[in-house]
Amino acid sequence: MANQDRSRWSQFGAEVQRLRASSGMTQRQLAGRLTMHYTMIGKLERAERTP
């Protein structure tokens, strides 16, 4: 992944984490609402995986 792309995904992940935390949800709770596995939420938040 190019540095610019990685930076954008890192920003996206940080925003997902910020919004999730501010709503009081755990990664598992968010994953359940999105019908995703909770490990995917963590990977998105850490920019280890892109949607």
PDB file of N, CA and C in Angstrom:
ATOM      1  N   MET A   1       0.860  -1.175   0.000  1.00  0.00           N
ATOM      2  CA  MET A   1       0.000   0.000   0.000  1.00  0.00           C
ATOM      3  C   MET A   1       0.904   1.235   0.000  1.00  0.00           C
ATOM      4  N   ALA A   2       0.607   2.189  -0.843  1.00  0.00           N
ATOM      5  CA  ALA A   2       1.397   3.414  -0.917  1.00  0.00           C
ATOM      6  C   ALA A   2       1.227   4.231   0.369  1.00  0.00           C
ATOM      7  N   ASN A   3       2.232   5.034   0.681  1.00  0.00           N
ATOM      8  CA  ASN A   3       2.200   5.829   1.915  1.00  0.00           C
ATOM      9  C   ASN A   3       0.977   6.724   2.004  1.00  0.00           C
ATOM     10  N   GLN A   4       0.614   7.369   0.890  1.00  0.00           N
ATOM     11  CA  GLN A   4      -0.546   8.272   0.905  1.00  0.00           C
ATOM     12  C   GLN A   4      -1.828   7.478   1.174  1.00  0.00           C
ATOM     13  N   ASP A   5      -1.965   6.325   0.529  1.00  0.00           N
ATOM     14  CA  ASP A   5      -3.139   5.487   0.766  1.00  0.00           C
ATOM     15  C   ASP A   5      -3.174   5.006   2.210  1.00  0.00           C
ATOM     16  N   ARG A   6      -2.023   4.587   2.722  1.00  0.00           N
ATOM     17  CA  ARG A   6      -1.951   4.097   4.105  1.00  0.00           C
ATOM     18  C   ARG A   6      -2.355   5.202   5.081  1.00  0.00           C
ATOM     19  N   SER A   7      -1.905   6.423   4.804  1.00  0.00           N
ATOM     20  CA  SER A   7      -2.261   7.546   5.655  1.00  0.00           C
ATOM     21  C   SER A   7      -3.770   7.780   5.654  1.00  0.00           C
ATOM     22  N   ARG A   8      -4.375   7.691   4.498  1.00  0.00           N
ATOM     23  CA  ARG A   8      -5.831   7.889   4.411  1.00  0.00           C
ATOM     24  C   ARG A   8      -6.581   6.804   5.161  1.00  0.00           C
ATOM     25  N   TRP A   9      -6.133   5.547   5.002  1.00  0.00           N
ATOM     26  CA  TRP A   9      -6.798   4.453   5.711  1.00  0.00           C
ATOM     27  C   TRP A   9      -6.554   4.557   7.205  1.00  0.00           C
ATOM     28  N   SER A  10      -5.397   5.055   7.605  1.00  0.00           N
ATOM     29  CA  SER A  10      -5.120   5.263   9.029  1.00  0.00           C
ATOM     30  C   SER A  10      -6.060   6.315   9.603  1.00  0.00           C
ATOM     31  N   GLN A  11      -6.294   7.370   8.846  1.00  0.00           N
ATOM     32  CA  GLN A  11      -7.226   8.420   9.268  1.00  0.00           C
ATOM     33  C   GLN A  11      -8.646   7.863   9.350  1.00  0.00           C
ATOM     34  N   PHE A  12      -9.019   7.063   8.358  1.00  0.00           N
ATOM     35  CA  PHE A  12     -10.342   6.442   8.352  1.00  0.00           C
ATOM     36  C   PHE A  12     -10.510   5.550   9.588  1.00  0.00           C
ATOM     37  N   GLY A  13      -9.500   4.719   9.849  1.00  0.00           N
ATOM     38  CA  GLY A  13      -9.558   3.825  10.998  1.00  0.00           C
ATOM     39  C   GLY A  13      -9.642   4.572  12.312  1.00  0.00           C
ATOM     40  N   ALA A  14      -8.890   5.647  12.422  1.00  0.00           N
ATOM     41  CA  ALA A  14      -8.929   6.457  13.642  1.00  0.00           C
ATOM     42  C   ALA A  14     -10.315   7.064  13.829  1.00  0.00           C
ATOM     43  N   GLU A  15     -10.934   7.474  12.749  1.00  0.00           N
ATOM     44  CA  GLU A  15     -12.284   8.052  12.833  1.00  0.00           C
ATOM     45  C   GLU A  15     -13.312   6.991  13.211  1.00  0.00           C
ATOM     46  N   VAL A  16     -13.191   5.810  12.647  1.00  0.00           N
ATOM     47  CA  VAL A  16     -14.087   4.707  13.022  1.00  0.00           C
ATOM     48  C   VAL A  16     -13.955   4.431  14.514  1.00  0.00           C
ATOM     49  N   GLN A  17     -12.717   4.355  14.987  1.00  0.00           N
ATOM     50  CA  GLN A  17     -12.476   4.086  16.403  1.00  0.00           C
ATOM     51  C   GLN A  17     -13.030   5.205  17.276  1.00  0.00           C
ATOM     52  N   ARG A  18     -12.820   6.448  16.866  1.00  0.00           N
ATOM     53  CA  ARG A  18     -13.317   7.590  17.639  1.00  0.00           C
ATOM     54  C   ARG A  18     -14.838   7.557  17.735  1.00  0.00           C
ATOM     55  N   LEU A  19     -15.500   7.342  16.605  1.00  0.00           N
ATOM     56  CA  LEU A  19     -16.969   7.317  16.595  1.00  0.00           C
ATOM     57  C   LEU A  19     -17.518   6.131  17.389  1.00  0.00           C
ATOM     58  N   ARG A  20     -16.873   4.984  17.243  1.00  0.00           N
ATOM     59  CA  ARG A  20     -17.306   3.795  17.990  1.00  0.00           C
ATOM     60  C   ARG A  20     -17.172   4.034  19.487  1.00  0.00           C
ATOM     61  N   ALA A  21     -16.028   4.546  19.903  1.00  0.00           N
ATOM     62  CA  ALA A  21     -15.788   4.789  21.326  1.00  0.00           C
ATOM     63  C   ALA A  21     -16.731   5.861  21.869  1.00  0.00           C
ATOM     64  N   SER A  22     -16.962   6.903  21.097  1.00  0.00           N
ATOM     65  CA  SER A  22     -17.836   7.983  21.581  1.00  0.00           C
ATOM     66  C   SER A  22     -19.288   7.525  21.716  1.00  0.00           C
ATOM     67  N   SER A  23     -19.653   6.489  20.975  1.00  0.00           N
ATOM     68  CA  SER A  23     -21.013   5.960  21.099  1.00  0.00           C
ATOM     69  C   SER A  23     -21.102   4.893  22.186  1.00  0.00           C
ATOM     70  N   GLY A  24     -19.939   4.573  22.785  1.00  0.00           N
ATOM     71  CA  GLY A  24     -19.928   3.606  23.873  1.00  0.00           C
ATOM     72  C   GLY A  24     -20.009   2.158  23.415  1.00  0.00           C
ATOM     73  N   MET A  25     -19.704   1.908  22.165  1.00  0.00           N
ATOM     74  CA  MET A  25     -19.790   0.555  21.630  1.00  0.00           C
ATOM     75  C   MET A  25     -18.433  -0.147  21.669  1.00  0.00           C
ATOM     76  N   THR A  26     -18.481  -1.456  21.850  1.00  0.00           N
ATOM     77  CA  THR A  26     -17.277  -2.260  21.732  1.00  0.00           C
ATOM     78  C   THR A  26     -17.114  -2.654  20.261  1.00  0.00           C
ATOM     79  N   GLN A  27     -15.960  -3.194  19.939  1.00  0.00           N
ATOM     80  CA  GLN A  27     -15.758  -3.679  18.573  1.00  0.00           C
ATOM     81  C   GLN A  27     -16.750  -4.793  18.252  1.00  0.00           C
ATOM     82  N   ARG A  28     -17.021  -5.646  19.203  1.00  0.00           N
ATOM     83  CA  ARG A  28     -17.993  -6.726  18.985  1.00  0.00           C
ATOM     84  C   ARG A  28     -19.396  -6.182  18.729  1.00  0.00           C
ATOM     85  N   GLN A  29     -19.793  -5.167  19.477  1.00  0.00           N
ATOM     86  CA  GLN A  29     -21.121  -4.585  19.287  1.00  0.00           C
ATOM     87  C   GLN A  29     -21.240  -3.944  17.910  1.00  0.00           C
ATOM     88  N   LEU A  30     -20.233  -3.185  17.514  1.00  0.00           N
ATOM     89  CA  LEU A  30     -20.255  -2.560  16.196  1.00  0.00           C
ATOM     90  C   LEU A  30     -20.268  -3.621  15.108  1.00  0.00           C
ATOM     91  N   ALA A  31     -19.455  -4.635  15.263  1.00  0.00           N
ATOM     92  CA  ALA A  31     -19.406  -5.709  14.269  1.00  0.00           C
ATOM     93  C   ALA A  31     -20.761  -6.391  14.126  1.00  0.00           C
ATOM     94  N   GLY A  32     -21.435  -6.609  15.228  1.00  0.00           N
ATOM     95  CA  GLY A  32     -22.760  -7.222  15.178  1.00  0.00           C
ATOM     96  C   GLY A  32     -23.762  -6.376  14.423  1.00  0.00           C
ATOM     97  N   ARG A  33     -23.687  -5.077  14.616  1.00  0.00           N
ATOM     98  CA  ARG A  33     -24.616  -4.173  13.914  1.00  0.00           C
ATOM     99  C   ARG A  33     -24.314  -4.092  12.425  1.00  0.00           C
ATOM    100  N   LEU A  34     -23.041  -4.306  12.081  1.00  0.00           N
ATOM    101  CA  LEU A  34     -22.632  -4.231  10.670  1.00  0.00           C
ATOM    102  C   LEU A  34     -22.563  -5.602  10.006  1.00  0.00           C
ATOM    103  N   THR A  35     -22.908  -6.642  10.736  1.00  0.00           N
ATOM    104  CA  THR A  35     -22.789  -8.036  10.285  1.00  0.00           C
ATOM    105  C   THR A  35     -21.390  -8.337   9.751  1.00  0.00           C
ATOM    106  N   MET A  36     -20.406  -7.978  10.562  1.00  0.00           N
ATOM    107  CA  MET A  36     -18.995  -8.254  10.266  1.00  0.00           C
ATOM    108  C   MET A  36     -18.418  -8.993  11.466  1.00  0.00           C
ATOM    109  N   HIS A  37     -17.275  -9.620  11.273  1.00  0.00           N
ATOM    110  CA  HIS A  37     -16.582 -10.237  12.401  1.00  0.00           C
ATOM    111  C   HIS A  37     -15.853  -9.141  13.172  1.00  0.00           C
ATOM    112  N   TYR A  38     -15.817  -9.260  14.484  1.00  0.00           N
ATOM    113  CA  TYR A  38     -15.222  -8.207  15.310  1.00  0.00           C
ATOM    114  C   TYR A  38     -13.742  -7.995  15.025  1.00  0.00           C
ATOM    115  N   THR A  39     -13.041  -9.028  14.572  1.00  0.00           N
ATOM    116  CA  THR A  39     -11.624  -8.853  14.263  1.00  0.00           C
ATOM    117  C   THR A  39     -11.432  -7.919  13.073  1.00  0.00           C
ATOM    118  N   MET A  40     -12.404  -7.889  12.178  1.00  0.00           N
ATOM    119  CA  MET A  40     -12.327  -6.988  11.025  1.00  0.00           C
ATOM    120  C   MET A  40     -12.403  -5.531  11.473  1.00  0.00           C
ATOM    121  N   ILE A  41     -13.196  -5.251  12.485  1.00  0.00           N
ATOM    122  CA  ILE A  41     -13.298  -3.881  13.000  1.00  0.00           C
ATOM    123  C   ILE A  41     -11.933  -3.439  13.523  1.00  0.00           C
ATOM    124  N   GLY A  42     -11.287  -4.286  14.287  1.00  0.00           N
ATOM    125  CA  GLY A  42      -9.952  -3.968  14.806  1.00  0.00           C
ATOM    126  C   GLY A  42      -8.952  -3.744  13.692  1.00  0.00           C
ATOM    127  N   LYS A  43      -9.012  -4.570  12.670  1.00  0.00           N
ATOM    128  CA  LYS A  43      -8.089  -4.417  11.537  1.00  0.00           C
ATOM    129  C   LYS A  43      -8.351  -3.120  10.782  1.00  0.00           C
ATOM    130  N   LEU A  44      -9.617  -2.752  10.647  1.00  0.00           N
ATOM    131  CA  LEU A  44      -9.945  -1.474  10.001  1.00  0.00           C
ATOM    132  C   LEU A  44      -9.429  -0.304  10.839  1.00  0.00           C
ATOM    133  N   GLU A  45      -9.634  -0.384  12.138  1.00  0.00           N
ATOM    134  CA  GLU A  45      -9.189   0.701  13.024  1.00  0.00           C
ATOM    135  C   GLU A  45      -7.667   0.854  13.013  1.00  0.00           C
ATOM    136  N   ARG A  46      -6.948  -0.233  12.838  1.00  0.00           N
ATOM    137  CA  ARG A  46      -5.478  -0.184  12.796  1.00  0.00           C
ATOM    138  C   ARG A  46      -4.933  -0.045  11.379  1.00  0.00           C
ATOM    139  N   ALA A  47      -5.810   0.096  10.404  1.00  0.00           N
ATOM    140  CA  ALA A  47      -5.446   0.218   8.982  1.00  0.00           C
ATOM    141  C   ALA A  47      -4.635  -0.983   8.505  1.00  0.00           C
ATOM    142  N   GLU A  48      -4.937  -2.156   9.064  1.00  0.00           N
ATOM    143  CA  GLU A  48      -4.305  -3.388   8.609  1.00  0.00           C
ATOM    144  C   GLU A  48      -5.095  -4.013   7.471  1.00  0.00           C
ATOM    145  N   ARG A  49      -6.337  -3.558   7.312  1.00  0.00           N
ATOM    146  CA  ARG A  49      -7.218  -4.086   6.272  1.00  0.00           C
ATOM    147  C   ARG A  49      -8.070  -2.938   5.775  1.00  0.00           C
ATOM    148  N   THR A  50      -8.352  -2.920   4.482  1.00  0.00           N
ATOM    149  CA  THR A  50      -9.231  -1.894   3.915  1.00  0.00           C
ATOM    150  C   THR A  50     -10.565  -2.535   3.537  1.00  0.00           C
ATOM    151  N   PRO A  51     -11.625  -1.734   3.558  1.00  0.00           N
ATOM    152  CA  PRO A  51     -12.951  -2.293   3.220  1.00  0.00           C
ATOM    153  C   PRO A  51     -13.031  -2.728   1.767  1.00  0.00           C
TER     154      PRO A  51
END
